[in-house]
Amino acid sequence: MIALGLEGSANKIGIGLISHPSTPSKPPIILANLRHTYVSPPGEGFLPKDTALHHRAWVVRLIKQAVRQAGVRVEDIDVICYTKGPGMGAPLQSVALAARTLALLWGKPMVGVNHCVGHIEMGRSITRALNPVVLYVSGGNTQVIAYSSQRYRIFGETLDIAIGNCIDRFARTLLIPNDPFPGYNVEQLAKHGRNLVDLPYTVKGMDASFSGILAAADVLAAGIGEDLDEGKRLRTEEGDLVTREDLCFSLQETVFAMLVEITERAMAHVGSTQVLVVGGVGSNERLQQMMGIMARDRGGSVFATDERFCIDNGIMIAHAGLLEYETGVVTKFEDTSCTQRFRTDEVYVGWRE
């Protein structure tokens, strides 16, 4: 069976085509996985209305290109899958409209997919992780998840902003470019950081808070400007000047340590030795390294994918939607809306035992 997936919950429009072999034990075949990103100027975020206009401008050409690249006909496609939520309202609506238009033109059924479940199922498929604790980290979400009784159960999550949002907003403070994406540029700067600056560490049980860390980092950033007098510039206890690289390094080390702590606690609770890291922030090499050290100390292992599948993409929506479709799930046309709030644990996972 073949599914077309449309993803547009944030600043990336993704179109994917995937085929599930008739033999369940065989891995899915990725036929096409295309994506285009709306990039805002340095120091600015992406507004919903501008992002929606970007998605509308690119969706048709990406669909045509994906179908050509996959070498399939419209008749070969069994189902149209789209991101129902969570995400930004206007971009979600633009992609849902495109999906409905295709379904009507081509006479195909539709499946509305939970964005978070799409990340999880794509990660499981690519890495072949068996039953891992999942750390889902992106621009809009931060959750520690484990599977039980046909649901992905949330063990811990952010109490305020998501980790990706925290990093992206700090990138705006430092006027770090948004191309290819701010988190990647922060990661590259952090690799050259040498001084660890104290930042608030806020873990509450299984949950974490990032807004206070961001506020503190913003205050410190005001003291590293080269235009400041030498006596007013931020220094370490040893007297070294604190650089933007140091602040990026310190922010990453602090927030990633928080994630490792709550993930390890979830592993201990469910007795798992595997960690699967998904979502855009999951492509960060330092996060993967820190999580790998923790997992190995517990006699376990960490699983992650590269940016093709960590960052929002259409193939994950096609894959998760086709899993649902194969269990008999179809979204009625009158229900093919979208929602900014769609929790991971609301989805009935009928394709897993």
C-alpha atoms as a PDB file:
ATOM      1  CA  MET A   1       0.000   0.000   0.000  1.00  0.00           C
ATOM      2  CA  ILE A   2       1.166   3.549  -0.757  1.00  0.00           C
ATOM      3  CA  ALA A   3       0.434   6.742   1.189  1.00  0.00           C
ATOM      4  CA  LEU A   4       1.067  10.397   0.437  1.00  0.00           C
ATOM      5  CA  GLY A   5       1.886  12.463   3.528  1.00  0.00           C
ATOM      6  CA  LEU A   6       1.641  16.227   3.972  1.00  0.00           C
ATOM      7  CA  GLU A   7       3.318  17.931   6.944  1.00  0.00           C
ATOM      8  CA  GLY A   8       3.135  21.647   7.697  1.00  0.00           C
ATOM      9  CA  SER A   9       2.724  22.177  11.429  1.00  0.00           C
ATOM     10  CA  ALA A  10       5.522  24.749  11.693  1.00  0.00           C
ATOM     11  CA  ASN A  11       7.914  26.464   9.292  1.00  0.00           C
ATOM     12  CA  LYS A  12       8.603  23.408   7.125  1.00  0.00           C
ATOM     13  CA  ILE A  13       6.363  22.037   4.399  1.00  0.00           C
ATOM     14  CA  GLY A  14       7.088  18.344   3.848  1.00  0.00           C
ATOM     15  CA  ILE A  15       5.726  15.946   1.246  1.00  0.00           C
ATOM     16  CA  GLY A  16       6.437  12.232   1.432  1.00  0.00           C
ATOM     17  CA  LEU A  17       5.448   9.038  -0.336  1.00  0.00           C
ATOM     18  CA  ILE A  18       5.914   5.679   1.380  1.00  0.00           C
ATOM     19  CA  SER A  19       5.072   2.084   0.536  1.00  0.00           C
ATOM     20  CA  HIS A  20       4.328  -0.670   3.060  1.00  0.00           C
ATOM     21  CA  PRO A  21       5.175  -4.138   1.717  1.00  0.00           C
ATOM     22  CA  SER A  22       2.549  -6.868   1.959  1.00  0.00           C
ATOM     23  CA  THR A  23       4.897  -8.775   4.291  1.00  0.00           C
ATOM     24  CA  PRO A  24       4.747  -7.033   7.716  1.00  0.00           C
ATOM     25  CA  SER A  25       8.276  -8.072   8.687  1.00  0.00           C
ATOM     26  CA  LYS A  26       9.794  -6.098   5.806  1.00  0.00           C
ATOM     27  CA  PRO A  27      10.643  -2.412   6.386  1.00  0.00           C
ATOM     28  CA  PRO A  28       8.666   0.316   4.603  1.00  0.00           C
ATOM     29  CA  ILE A  29      10.032   1.699   1.343  1.00  0.00           C
ATOM     30  CA  ILE A  30      10.606   5.459   1.166  1.00  0.00           C
ATOM     31  CA  LEU A  31       9.646   6.586  -2.318  1.00  0.00           C
ATOM     32  CA  ALA A  32      10.053  10.354  -1.896  1.00  0.00           C
ATOM     33  CA  ASN A  33      10.830  12.705   0.985  1.00  0.00           C
ATOM     34  CA  LEU A  34      10.853  16.399   0.033  1.00  0.00           C
ATOM     35  CA  ARG A  35      10.860  19.460   2.261  1.00  0.00           C
ATOM     36  CA  HIS A  36      11.122  23.233   2.016  1.00  0.00           C
ATOM     37  CA  THR A  37      11.700  25.602   4.939  1.00  0.00           C
ATOM     38  CA  TYR A  38      10.430  29.118   5.489  1.00  0.00           C
ATOM     39  CA  VAL A  39      13.453  31.035   6.775  1.00  0.00           C
ATOM     40  CA  SER A  40      12.913  34.332   8.587  1.00  0.00           C
ATOM     41  CA  PRO A  41      15.610  37.031   9.007  1.00  0.00           C
ATOM     42  CA  PRO A  42      18.099  36.782  11.915  1.00  0.00           C
ATOM     43  CA  GLY A  43      16.614  37.957  15.190  1.00  0.00           C
ATOM     44  CA  GLU A  44      13.065  37.154  14.100  1.00  0.00           C
ATOM     45  CA  GLY A  45      10.779  34.165  14.446  1.00  0.00           C
ATOM     46  CA  PHE A  46       8.311  32.955  11.839  1.00  0.00           C
ATOM     47  CA  LEU A  47       4.799  34.393  11.950  1.00  0.00           C
ATOM     48  CA  PRO A  48       1.894  31.991  11.358  1.00  0.00           C
ATOM     49  CA  LYS A  49       0.420  34.000   8.480  1.00  0.00           C
ATOM     50  CA  ASP A  50       3.756  34.267   6.642  1.00  0.00           C
ATOM     51  CA  THR A  51       4.462  30.579   7.209  1.00  0.00           C
ATOM     52  CA  ALA A  52       1.027  29.636   5.866  1.00  0.00           C
ATOM     53  CA  LEU A  53       1.634  31.705   2.727  1.00  0.00           C
ATOM     54  CA  HIS A  54       4.965  29.920   2.261  1.00  0.00           C
ATOM     55  CA  HIS A  55       3.299  26.510   2.530  1.00  0.00           C
ATOM     56  CA  ARG A  56       0.600  27.439   0.009  1.00  0.00           C
ATOM     57  CA  ALA A  57       3.234  28.654  -2.420  1.00  0.00           C
ATOM     58  CA  TRP A  58       5.253  25.435  -2.231  1.00  0.00           C
ATOM     59  CA  VAL A  59       2.779  22.612  -1.632  1.00  0.00           C
ATOM     60  CA  VAL A  60       1.686  22.001  -5.249  1.00  0.00           C
ATOM     61  CA  ARG A  61       5.175  21.986  -6.738  1.00  0.00           C
ATOM     62  CA  LEU A  62       6.459  19.681  -3.986  1.00  0.00           C
ATOM     63  CA  ILE A  63       3.590  17.229  -4.510  1.00  0.00           C
ATOM     64  CA  LYS A  64       4.245  17.121  -8.256  1.00  0.00           C
ATOM     65  CA  GLN A  65       7.965  16.653  -7.692  1.00  0.00           C
ATOM     66  CA  ALA A  66       7.406  13.907  -5.105  1.00  0.00           C
ATOM     67  CA  VAL A  67       5.063  11.943  -7.368  1.00  0.00           C
ATOM     68  CA  ARG A  68       7.558  12.197 -10.257  1.00  0.00           C
ATOM     69  CA  GLN A  69      10.471  11.198  -8.020  1.00  0.00           C
ATOM     70  CA  ALA A  70       8.564   8.221  -6.621  1.00  0.00           C
ATOM     71  CA  GLY A  71       7.642   7.026 -10.094  1.00  0.00           C
ATOM     72  CA  VAL A  72       4.043   6.336  -9.098  1.00  0.00           C
ATOM     73  CA  ARG A  73       0.700   7.234 -10.652  1.00  0.00           C
ATOM     74  CA  VAL A  74      -2.185   8.848  -8.853  1.00  0.00           C
ATOM     75  CA  GLU A  75      -4.022   5.541  -9.203  1.00  0.00           C
ATOM     76  CA  ASP A  76      -1.288   3.818  -7.175  1.00  0.00           C
ATOM     77  CA  ILE A  77      -1.794   6.014  -4.087  1.00  0.00           C
ATOM     78  CA  ASP A  78      -4.149   4.440  -1.544  1.00  0.00           C
ATOM     79  CA  VAL A  79      -4.577   7.209   1.028  1.00  0.00           C
ATOM     80  CA  ILE A  80      -3.837  10.897   1.668  1.00  0.00           C
ATOM     81  CA  CYS A  81      -2.377  11.574   5.129  1.00  0.00           C
ATOM     82  CA  TYR A  82      -1.967  15.019   6.661  1.00  0.00           C
ATOM     83  CA  THR A  83      -0.923  16.544   9.973  1.00  0.00           C
ATOM     84  CA  LYS A  84      -4.025  17.163  12.058  1.00  0.00           C
ATOM     85  CA  GLY A  85      -2.028  18.667  14.934  1.00  0.00           C
ATOM     86  CA  PRO A  86      -0.475  19.836  17.140  1.00  0.00           C
ATOM     87  CA  GLY A  87       1.152  22.879  15.601  1.00  0.00           C
ATOM     88  CA  MET A  88       0.603  26.439  14.434  1.00  0.00           C
ATOM     89  CA  GLY A  89      -2.971  27.134  13.355  1.00  0.00           C
ATOM     90  CA  ALA A  90      -2.543  28.896  10.020  1.00  0.00           C
ATOM     91  CA  PRO A  91       0.158  26.567   8.597  1.00  0.00           C
ATOM     92  CA  LEU A  92      -1.849  23.510   9.706  1.00  0.00           C
ATOM     93  CA  GLN A  93      -4.949  24.863   7.980  1.00  0.00           C
ATOM     94  CA  SER A  94      -3.111  25.519   4.728  1.00  0.00           C
ATOM     95  CA  VAL A  95      -1.824  21.939   4.555  1.00  0.00           C
ATOM     96  CA  ALA A  96      -5.175  20.437   5.602  1.00  0.00           C
ATOM     97  CA  LEU A  97      -6.809  22.405   2.781  1.00  0.00           C
ATOM     98  CA  ALA A  98      -4.295  21.027   0.282  1.00  0.00           C
ATOM     99  CA  ALA A  99      -4.904  17.476   1.541  1.00  0.00           C
ATOM    100  CA  ARG A 100      -8.689  17.847   1.229  1.00  0.00           C
ATOM    101  CA  THR A 101      -8.313  19.233  -2.282  1.00  0.00           C
ATOM    102  CA  LEU A 102      -6.193  16.252  -3.340  1.00  0.00           C
ATOM    103  CA  ALA A 103      -8.623  13.787  -1.762  1.00  0.00           C
ATOM    104  CA  LEU A 104     -11.547  15.312  -3.680  1.00  0.00           C
ATOM    105  CA  LEU A 105      -9.652  15.572  -6.985  1.00  0.00           C
ATOM    106  CA  TRP A 106      -8.227  12.064  -6.812  1.00  0.00           C
ATOM    107  CA  GLY A 107     -11.085  10.348  -4.973  1.00  0.00           C
ATOM    108  CA  LYS A 108      -8.873   9.116  -2.123  1.00  0.00           C
ATOM    109  CA  PRO A 109      -9.625   8.493   1.583  1.00  0.00           C
ATOM    110  CA  MET A 110      -7.903  10.649   4.215  1.00  0.00           C
ATOM    111  CA  VAL A 111      -6.248  10.061   7.576  1.00  0.00           C
ATOM    112  CA  GLY A 112      -5.494  12.890  10.007  1.00  0.00           C
ATOM    113  CA  VAL A 113      -2.224  12.147  11.818  1.00  0.00           C
ATOM    114  CA  ASN A 114      -0.910  13.237  15.198  1.00  0.00           C
ATOM    115  CA  HIS A 115       2.392  14.999  14.515  1.00  0.00           C
ATOM    116  CA  CYS A 116       4.081  13.532  17.606  1.00  0.00           C
ATOM    117  CA  VAL A 117       3.041   9.967  16.794  1.00  0.00           C
ATOM    118  CA  GLY A 118       4.426  10.508  13.301  1.00  0.00           C
ATOM    119  CA  HIS A 119       7.841  11.302  14.771  1.00  0.00           C
ATOM    120  CA  ILE A 120       7.734   8.260  17.053  1.00  0.00           C
ATOM    121  CA  GLU A 121       6.703   5.760  14.401  1.00  0.00           C
ATOM    122  CA  MET A 122       9.217   7.069  11.880  1.00  0.00           C
ATOM    123  CA  GLY A 123      11.958   6.811  14.500  1.00  0.00           C
ATOM    124  CA  ARG A 124      10.957   3.269  15.428  1.00  0.00           C
ATOM    125  CA  SER A 125      10.889   2.215  11.786  1.00  0.00           C
ATOM    126  CA  ILE A 126      14.267   3.717  10.848  1.00  0.00           C
ATOM    127  CA  THR A 127      16.200   2.630  13.952  1.00  0.00           C
ATOM    128  CA  ARG A 128      14.378  -0.696  14.519  1.00  0.00           C
ATOM    129  CA  ALA A 129      14.215   0.073  18.242  1.00  0.00           C
ATOM    130  CA  LEU A 130      12.016  -2.527  19.950  1.00  0.00           C
ATOM    131  CA  ASN A 131      10.154  -0.860  22.825  1.00  0.00           C
ATOM    132  CA  PRO A 132      12.142   2.212  23.838  1.00  0.00           C
ATOM    133  CA  VAL A 133      11.445   5.116  26.124  1.00  0.00           C
ATOM    134  CA  VAL A 134      10.965   8.003  23.685  1.00  0.00           C
ATOM    135  CA  LEU A 135      12.363  11.484  24.184  1.00  0.00           C
ATOM    136  CA  TYR A 136      10.415  13.759  21.852  1.00  0.00           C
ATOM    137  CA  VAL A 137      12.090  17.155  21.533  1.00  0.00           C
ATOM    138  CA  SER A 138      11.181  19.799  18.980  1.00  0.00           C
ATOM    139  CA  GLY A 139      10.355  23.463  18.569  1.00  0.00           C
ATOM    140  CA  GLY A 140       6.888  23.045  19.991  1.00  0.00           C
ATOM    141  CA  ASN A 141       7.082  19.892  22.115  1.00  0.00           C
ATOM    142  CA  THR A 142       9.140  18.303  24.879  1.00  0.00           C
ATOM    143  CA  GLN A 143       7.871  14.945  26.159  1.00  0.00           C
ATOM    144  CA  VAL A 144       9.199  11.717  27.676  1.00  0.00           C
ATOM    145  CA  ILE A 145       7.000   8.889  26.410  1.00  0.00           C
ATOM    146  CA  ALA A 146       6.602   5.132  26.832  1.00  0.00           C
ATOM    147  CA  TYR A 147       4.157   2.742  25.160  1.00  0.00           C
ATOM    148  CA  SER A 148       1.554   0.786  27.121  1.00  0.00           C
ATOM    149  CA  SER A 149      -1.830  -0.754  26.246  1.00  0.00           C
ATOM    150  CA  GLN A 150      -2.428   0.836  22.841  1.00  0.00           C
ATOM    151  CA  ARG A 151      -1.350   4.329  23.946  1.00  0.00           C
ATOM    152  CA  TYR A 152       1.834   6.370  24.017  1.00  0.00           C
ATOM    153  CA  ARG A 153       1.878   7.431  27.669  1.00  0.00           C
ATOM    154  CA  ILE A 154       3.454  10.743  28.619  1.00  0.00           C
ATOM    155  CA  PHE A 155       5.701  10.352  31.664  1.00  0.00           C
ATOM    156  CA  GLY A 156       7.066  13.878  31.701  1.00  0.00           C
ATOM    157  CA  GLU A 157       6.921  17.060  29.659  1.00  0.00           C
ATOM    158  CA  THR A 158       7.695  20.759  29.627  1.00  0.00           C
ATOM    159  CA  LEU A 159       5.762  22.922  32.039  1.00  0.00           C
ATOM    160  CA  ASP A 160       6.048  26.009  29.816  1.00  0.00           C
ATOM    161  CA  ILE A 161       7.943  26.406  26.550  1.00  0.00           C
ATOM    162  CA  ALA A 162       9.464  23.561  24.533  1.00  0.00           C
ATOM    163  CA  ILE A 163      13.213  23.036  24.432  1.00  0.00           C
ATOM    164  CA  GLY A 164      13.385  23.835  20.718  1.00  0.00           C
ATOM    165  CA  ASN A 165      11.530  27.076  21.304  1.00  0.00           C
ATOM    166  CA  CYS A 166      13.956  27.924  24.117  1.00  0.00           C
ATOM    167  CA  ILE A 167      17.004  27.392  21.888  1.00  0.00           C
ATOM    168  CA  ASP A 168      15.450  29.184  18.904  1.00  0.00           C
ATOM    169  CA  ARG A 169      14.515  32.222  20.965  1.00  0.00           C
ATOM    170  CA  PHE A 170      18.008  32.427  22.410  1.00  0.00           C
ATOM    171  CA  ALA A 171      19.347  32.310  18.854  1.00  0.00           C
ATOM    172  CA  ARG A 172      17.219  35.391  18.119  1.00  0.00           C
ATOM    173  CA  THR A 173      18.726  37.148  21.136  1.00  0.00           C
ATOM    174  CA  LEU A 174      22.231  36.587  19.733  1.00  0.00           C
ATOM    175  CA  LEU A 175      21.071  37.391  16.168  1.00  0.00           C
ATOM    176  CA  ILE A 176      22.161  33.943  15.028  1.00  0.00           C
ATOM    177  CA  PRO A 177      20.958  33.181  11.452  1.00  0.00           C
ATOM    178  CA  ASN A 178      17.869  30.991  10.981  1.00  0.00           C
ATOM    179  CA  ASP A 179      19.335  29.252   7.928  1.00  0.00           C
ATOM    180  CA  PRO A 180      19.372  26.244   7.799  1.00  0.00           C
ATOM    181  CA  PHE A 181      17.735  26.413  11.232  1.00  0.00           C
ATOM    182  CA  PRO A 182      18.677  28.241  14.451  1.00  0.00           C
ATOM    183  CA  GLY A 183      19.181  25.162  16.615  1.00  0.00           C
ATOM    184  CA  TYR A 184      21.821  23.835  14.222  1.00  0.00           C
ATOM    185  CA  ASN A 185      23.705  27.134  14.284  1.00  0.00           C
ATOM    186  CA  VAL A 186      23.572  27.252  18.087  1.00  0.00           C
ATOM    187  CA  GLU A 187      24.964  23.699  18.138  1.00  0.00           C
ATOM    188  CA  GLN A 188      27.907  24.680  15.929  1.00  0.00           C
ATOM    189  CA  LEU A 189      28.745  27.672  18.132  1.00  0.00           C
ATOM    190  CA  ALA A 190      28.437  25.521  21.263  1.00  0.00           C
ATOM    191  CA  LYS A 191      31.156  23.196  19.950  1.00  0.00           C
ATOM    192  CA  HIS A 192      33.627  26.054  20.406  1.00  0.00           C
ATOM    193  CA  GLY A 193      32.460  27.053  23.887  1.00  0.00           C
ATOM    194  CA  ARG A 194      34.985  26.577  26.703  1.00  0.00           C
ATOM    195  CA  ASN A 195      33.450  28.206  29.783  1.00  0.00           C
ATOM    196  CA  LEU A 196      30.372  26.785  31.503  1.00  0.00           C
ATOM    197  CA  VAL A 197      28.218  29.630  32.839  1.00  0.00           C
ATOM    198  CA  ASP A 198      25.732  28.899  35.620  1.00  0.00           C
ATOM    199  CA  LEU A 199      22.107  28.824  34.452  1.00  0.00           C
ATOM    200  CA  PRO A 200      18.928  27.780  36.316  1.00  0.00           C
ATOM    201  CA  TYR A 201      18.365  24.012  36.338  1.00  0.00           C
ATOM    202  CA  THR A 202      14.654  23.362  36.692  1.00  0.00           C
ATOM    203  CA  VAL A 203      13.432  19.776  36.941  1.00  0.00           C
ATOM    204  CA  LYS A 204      10.224  19.140  38.869  1.00  0.00           C
ATOM    205  CA  GLY A 205       9.609  15.432  39.254  1.00  0.00           C
ATOM    206  CA  MET A 206       9.278  14.124  35.696  1.00  0.00           C
ATOM    207  CA  ASP A 207       8.706  17.580  34.197  1.00  0.00           C
ATOM    208  CA  ALA A 208      11.049  20.375  33.156  1.00  0.00           C
ATOM    209  CA  SER A 209      10.807  24.144  32.785  1.00  0.00           C
ATOM    210  CA  PHE A 210      12.796  26.151  30.246  1.00  0.00           C
ATOM    211  CA  SER A 211      11.414  29.694  30.426  1.00  0.00           C
ATOM    212  CA  GLY A 212      13.554  30.668  33.433  1.00  0.00           C
ATOM    213  CA  ILE A 213      16.696  29.358  31.750  1.00  0.00           C
ATOM    214  CA  LEU A 214      15.909  31.408  28.655  1.00  0.00           C
ATOM    215  CA  ALA A 215      15.301  34.562  30.704  1.00  0.00           C
ATOM    216  CA  ALA A 216      18.596  34.107  32.561  1.00  0.00           C
ATOM    217  CA  ALA A 217      20.516  33.434  29.353  1.00  0.00           C
ATOM    218  CA  ASP A 218      19.021  36.559  27.761  1.00  0.00           C
ATOM    219  CA  VAL A 219      20.208  38.647  30.716  1.00  0.00           C
ATOM    220  CA  LEU A 220      23.735  37.212  30.445  1.00  0.00           C
ATOM    221  CA  ALA A 221      23.747  37.811  26.678  1.00  0.00           C
ATOM    222  CA  ALA A 222      23.364  41.535  27.323  1.00  0.00           C
ATOM    223  CA  GLY A 223      26.805  41.481  28.963  1.00  0.00           C
ATOM    224  CA  ILE A 224      28.864  40.008  26.131  1.00  0.00           C
ATOM    225  CA  GLY A 225      28.535  42.747  23.521  1.00  0.00           C
ATOM    226  CA  GLU A 226      31.862  43.852  22.064  1.00  0.00           C
ATOM    227  CA  ASP A 227      30.655  47.463  22.141  1.00  0.00           C
ATOM    228  CA  LEU A 228      30.534  47.422  25.954  1.00  0.00           C
ATOM    229  CA  ASP A 229      33.283  48.858  28.106  1.00  0.00           C
ATOM    230  CA  GLU A 230      35.801  46.241  29.238  1.00  0.00           C
ATOM    231  CA  GLY A 231      34.780  46.708  32.858  1.00  0.00           C
ATOM    232  CA  LYS A 232      31.124  45.975  32.092  1.00  0.00           C
ATOM    233  CA  ARG A 233      31.593  42.842  30.025  1.00  0.00           C
ATOM    234  CA  LEU A 234      30.666  39.450  31.487  1.00  0.00           C
ATOM    235  CA  ARG A 235      33.607  37.418  32.765  1.00  0.00           C
ATOM    236  CA  THR A 236      34.181  34.032  34.368  1.00  0.00           C
ATOM    237  CA  GLU A 237      35.502  33.665  37.915  1.00  0.00           C
ATOM    238  CA  GLU A 238      38.968  33.262  36.393  1.00  0.00           C
ATOM    239  CA  GLY A 239      38.569  36.581  34.583  1.00  0.00           C
ATOM    240  CA  ASP A 240      38.071  35.259  31.065  1.00  0.00           C
ATOM    241  CA  LEU A 241      35.608  37.090  28.832  1.00  0.00           C
ATOM    242  CA  VAL A 242      32.413  35.104  28.232  1.00  0.00           C
ATOM    243  CA  THR A 243      31.686  34.673  24.520  1.00  0.00           C
ATOM    244  CA  ARG A 244      28.527  33.858  22.570  1.00  0.00           C
ATOM    245  CA  GLU A 245      30.054  30.394  22.047  1.00  0.00           C
ATOM    246  CA  ASP A 246      30.283  29.980  25.836  1.00  0.00           C
ATOM    247  CA  LEU A 247      26.629  30.946  26.278  1.00  0.00           C
ATOM    248  CA  CYS A 248      25.468  28.532  23.569  1.00  0.00           C
ATOM    249  CA  PHE A 249      27.581  25.795  25.154  1.00  0.00           C
ATOM    250  CA  SER A 250      26.207  26.543  28.631  1.00  0.00           C
ATOM    251  CA  LEU A 251      22.594  26.604  27.468  1.00  0.00           C
ATOM    252  CA  GLN A 252      22.936  23.279  25.675  1.00  0.00           C
ATOM    253  CA  GLU A 253      24.729  21.539  28.529  1.00  0.00           C
ATOM    254  CA  THR A 254      22.114  22.677  31.049  1.00  0.00           C
ATOM    255  CA  VAL A 255      18.928  21.888  29.139  1.00  0.00           C
ATOM    256  CA  PHE A 256      20.270  18.595  27.800  1.00  0.00           C
ATOM    257  CA  ALA A 257      21.294  17.489  31.298  1.00  0.00           C
ATOM    258  CA  MET A 258      17.707  18.121  32.396  1.00  0.00           C
ATOM    259  CA  LEU A 259      16.405  15.958  29.562  1.00  0.00           C
ATOM    260  CA  VAL A 260      18.836  13.154  30.382  1.00  0.00           C
ATOM    261  CA  GLU A 261      17.687  13.187  34.012  1.00  0.00           C
ATOM    262  CA  ILE A 262      13.973  12.842  33.345  1.00  0.00           C
ATOM    263  CA  THR A 263      14.566  10.294  30.573  1.00  0.00           C
ATOM    264  CA  GLU A 264      16.684   8.128  32.864  1.00  0.00           C
ATOM    265  CA  ARG A 265      13.994   8.282  35.524  1.00  0.00           C
ATOM    266  CA  ALA A 266      11.391   7.067  32.992  1.00  0.00           C
ATOM    267  CA  MET A 267      13.696   4.218  31.927  1.00  0.00           C
ATOM    268  CA  ALA A 268      14.042   3.120  35.529  1.00  0.00           C
ATOM    269  CA  HIS A 269      10.279   3.248  36.020  1.00  0.00           C
ATOM    270  CA  VAL A 270       9.374   1.079  33.022  1.00  0.00           C
ATOM    271  CA  GLY A 271      12.482  -1.112  33.100  1.00  0.00           C
ATOM    272  CA  SER A 272      13.635  -0.162  29.612  1.00  0.00           C
ATOM    273  CA  THR A 273      17.225  -0.207  28.350  1.00  0.00           C
ATOM    274  CA  GLN A 274      16.528   1.662  25.112  1.00  0.00           C
ATOM    275  CA  VAL A 275      16.062   5.363  24.403  1.00  0.00           C
ATOM    276  CA  LEU A 276      14.728   6.704  21.114  1.00  0.00           C
ATOM    277  CA  VAL A 277      15.311  10.417  20.499  1.00  0.00           C
ATOM    278  CA  VAL A 278      12.951  12.006  17.952  1.00  0.00           C
ATOM    279  CA  GLY A 279      11.994  15.513  16.858  1.00  0.00           C
ATOM    280  CA  GLY A 280      14.047  18.309  15.360  1.00  0.00           C
ATOM    281  CA  VAL A 281      16.230  18.848  18.447  1.00  0.00           C
ATOM    282  CA  GLY A 282      16.928  15.099  18.382  1.00  0.00           C
ATOM    283  CA  SER A 283      19.367  15.659  15.516  1.00  0.00           C
ATOM    284  CA  ASN A 284      21.697  17.534  17.907  1.00  0.00           C
ATOM    285  CA  GLU A 285      24.895  15.497  18.203  1.00  0.00           C
ATOM    286  CA  ARG A 286      25.642  16.663  21.741  1.00  0.00           C
ATOM    287  CA  LEU A 287      22.207  15.585  22.969  1.00  0.00           C
ATOM    288  CA  GLN A 288      22.688  12.188  21.350  1.00  0.00           C
ATOM    289  CA  GLN A 289      26.122  11.903  22.967  1.00  0.00           C
ATOM    290  CA  MET A 290      24.891  12.785  26.464  1.00  0.00           C
ATOM    291  CA  MET A 291      21.925  10.444  26.149  1.00  0.00           C
ATOM    292  CA  GLY A 292      24.226   7.697  24.883  1.00  0.00           C
ATOM    293  CA  ILE A 293      26.524   8.033  27.912  1.00  0.00           C
ATOM    294  CA  MET A 294      23.551   7.706  30.259  1.00  0.00           C
ATOM    295  CA  ALA A 295      22.112   4.727  28.371  1.00  0.00           C
ATOM    296  CA  ARG A 296      25.437   2.879  28.305  1.00  0.00           C
ATOM    297  CA  ASP A 297      25.890   3.405  32.046  1.00  0.00           C
ATOM    298  CA  ARG A 298      22.556   1.602  32.454  1.00  0.00           C
ATOM    299  CA  GLY A 299      23.632  -1.206  30.133  1.00  0.00           C
ATOM    300  CA  GLY A 300      21.418   0.107  27.372  1.00  0.00           C
ATOM    301  CA  SER A 301      21.606   1.984  24.094  1.00  0.00           C
ATOM    302  CA  VAL A 302      20.319   5.113  22.414  1.00  0.00           C
ATOM    303  CA  PHE A 303      18.661   5.311  18.998  1.00  0.00           C
ATOM    304  CA  ALA A 304      18.379   8.428  16.837  1.00  0.00           C
ATOM    305  CA  THR A 305      18.044   9.417  13.190  1.00  0.00           C
ATOM    306  CA  ASP A 306      19.648  12.115  11.090  1.00  0.00           C
ATOM    307  CA  GLU A 307      17.986  15.357  10.004  1.00  0.00           C
ATOM    308  CA  ARG A 308      16.127  13.670   7.120  1.00  0.00           C
ATOM    309  CA  PHE A 309      13.788  12.066   9.628  1.00  0.00           C
ATOM    310  CA  CYS A 310      14.331  13.995  12.887  1.00  0.00           C
ATOM    311  CA  ILE A 311      13.278  17.323  11.403  1.00  0.00           C
ATOM    312  CA  ASP A 312       9.605  17.655  10.404  1.00  0.00           C
ATOM    313  CA  ASN A 313       8.948  15.762   7.178  1.00  0.00           C
ATOM    314  CA  GLY A 314       6.104  14.391   5.102  1.00  0.00           C
ATOM    315  CA  ILE A 315       7.309  10.795   5.152  1.00  0.00           C
ATOM    316  CA  MET A 316       6.625  10.424   8.886  1.00  0.00           C
ATOM    317  CA  ILE A 317       3.035  11.569   8.352  1.00  0.00           C
ATOM    318  CA  ALA A 318       2.614   9.163   5.441  1.00  0.00           C
ATOM    319  CA  HIS A 319       4.053   6.283   7.500  1.00  0.00           C
ATOM    320  CA  ALA A 320       1.971   6.872  10.644  1.00  0.00           C
ATOM    321  CA  GLY A 321      -1.154   7.539   8.584  1.00  0.00           C
ATOM    322  CA  LEU A 322      -0.708   4.330   6.625  1.00  0.00           C
ATOM    323  CA  LEU A 323      -0.268   2.368   9.860  1.00  0.00           C
ATOM    324  CA  GLU A 324      -3.633   3.718  11.003  1.00  0.00           C
ATOM    325  CA  TYR A 325      -5.253   3.154   7.608  1.00  0.00           C
ATOM    326  CA  GLU A 326      -4.151  -0.487   7.600  1.00  0.00           C
ATOM    327  CA  THR A 327      -6.047  -1.004  10.866  1.00  0.00           C
ATOM    328  CA  GLY A 328      -9.235   0.395   9.310  1.00  0.00           C
ATOM    329  CA  VAL A 329      -8.951   4.015  10.475  1.00  0.00           C
ATOM    330  CA  VAL A 330     -10.255   6.650   8.034  1.00  0.00           C
ATOM    331  CA  THR A 331     -10.958  10.300   8.838  1.00  0.00           C
ATOM    332  CA  LYS A 332     -14.386  11.350   7.601  1.00  0.00           C
ATOM    333  CA  PHE A 333     -14.224  14.303   5.251  1.00  0.00           C
ATOM    334  CA  GLU A 334     -16.295  16.477   7.585  1.00  0.00           C
ATOM    335  CA  ASP A 335     -13.758  15.718  10.341  1.00  0.00           C
ATOM    336  CA  THR A 336     -10.653  16.598   8.315  1.00  0.00           C
ATOM    337  CA  SER A 337     -10.001  19.719  10.330  1.00  0.00           C
ATOM    338  CA  CYS A 338      -6.850  20.521  12.295  1.00  0.00           C
ATOM    339  CA  THR A 339      -6.117  21.504  15.858  1.00  0.00           C
ATOM    340  CA  GLN A 340      -3.250  23.268  17.577  1.00  0.00           C
ATOM    341  CA  ARG A 341      -3.692  21.022  20.627  1.00  0.00           C
ATOM    342  CA  PHE A 342      -3.584  17.280  19.958  1.00  0.00           C
ATOM    343  CA  ARG A 343      -1.838  15.323  22.700  1.00  0.00           C
ATOM    344  CA  THR A 344       0.239  12.259  21.975  1.00  0.00           C
ATOM    345  CA  ASP A 345      -1.713  10.096  24.425  1.00  0.00           C
ATOM    346  CA  GLU A 346      -5.048  10.847  22.711  1.00  0.00           C
ATOM    347  CA  VAL A 347      -4.209   8.520  19.795  1.00  0.00           C
ATOM    348  CA  TYR A 348      -5.333   4.887  19.893  1.00  0.00           C
ATOM    349  CA  VAL A 349      -2.294   2.889  18.723  1.00  0.00           C
ATOM    350  CA  GLY A 350      -4.129  -0.032  17.159  1.00  0.00           C
ATOM    351  CA  TRP A 351      -1.175  -1.234  15.083  1.00  0.00           C
ATOM    352  CA  ARG A 352       0.902  -2.269  18.122  1.00  0.00           C
ATOM    353  CA  GLU A 353       0.270  -5.153  20.486  1.00  0.00           C
END
